[in-house]
Amino acid sequence: MREGGGIVLQAVHHIAIICSDYTESKRFYTEILGLQIIREVYREERDSYKLDLALGDTYVIELFSFPNPPARPSYPEASGLRHLAFTVDDVEKEVARLLAMGVKTEPVRIDPFTEKAFTFFQDPDGLPIELYEEEAAKK
């Protein structure tokens, strides 16, 4: 513990996502988002797949399948994890790529505080995903 309280966090280790259609979600996260497979295991005792995915050299997502997972409300927004956000160099360019692959996105907006561009789209289960531009939006 550091002085003044609170634990000392170093980084986000991973984000766990339970999907309803493992094959479709695996395709989405690897082929559309371009995450790299680290390992894939089938856990027979749980009738569940676990797919470890990376973005570059960073471990990012654990994708799980379970039989008949309950739906998580997303709209209207429910409490809990709101969305998953990835940084990109050019939001407009990535939106064009998503649209070419059949993924619908919201209109690109500008964050009024950072002046950076961002947009949202959804994974196959409706989980909101944000693309957030690293550089300030072009004016």
Foldseek 3Di string as FASTA:
>chain_A
DDPPDDDDDDDDQEDEEEDADVVQLVCCCCVLVNWAWPDWDQDVVQRKIWTFTHDVPGTYYIYMYGPPDDADDQVVHDDDDNAAEDEDADAVVSCVSCVVVVWDKDDWDADPVQQWIKIWTAGPSRGIYMYTHPDHDDD
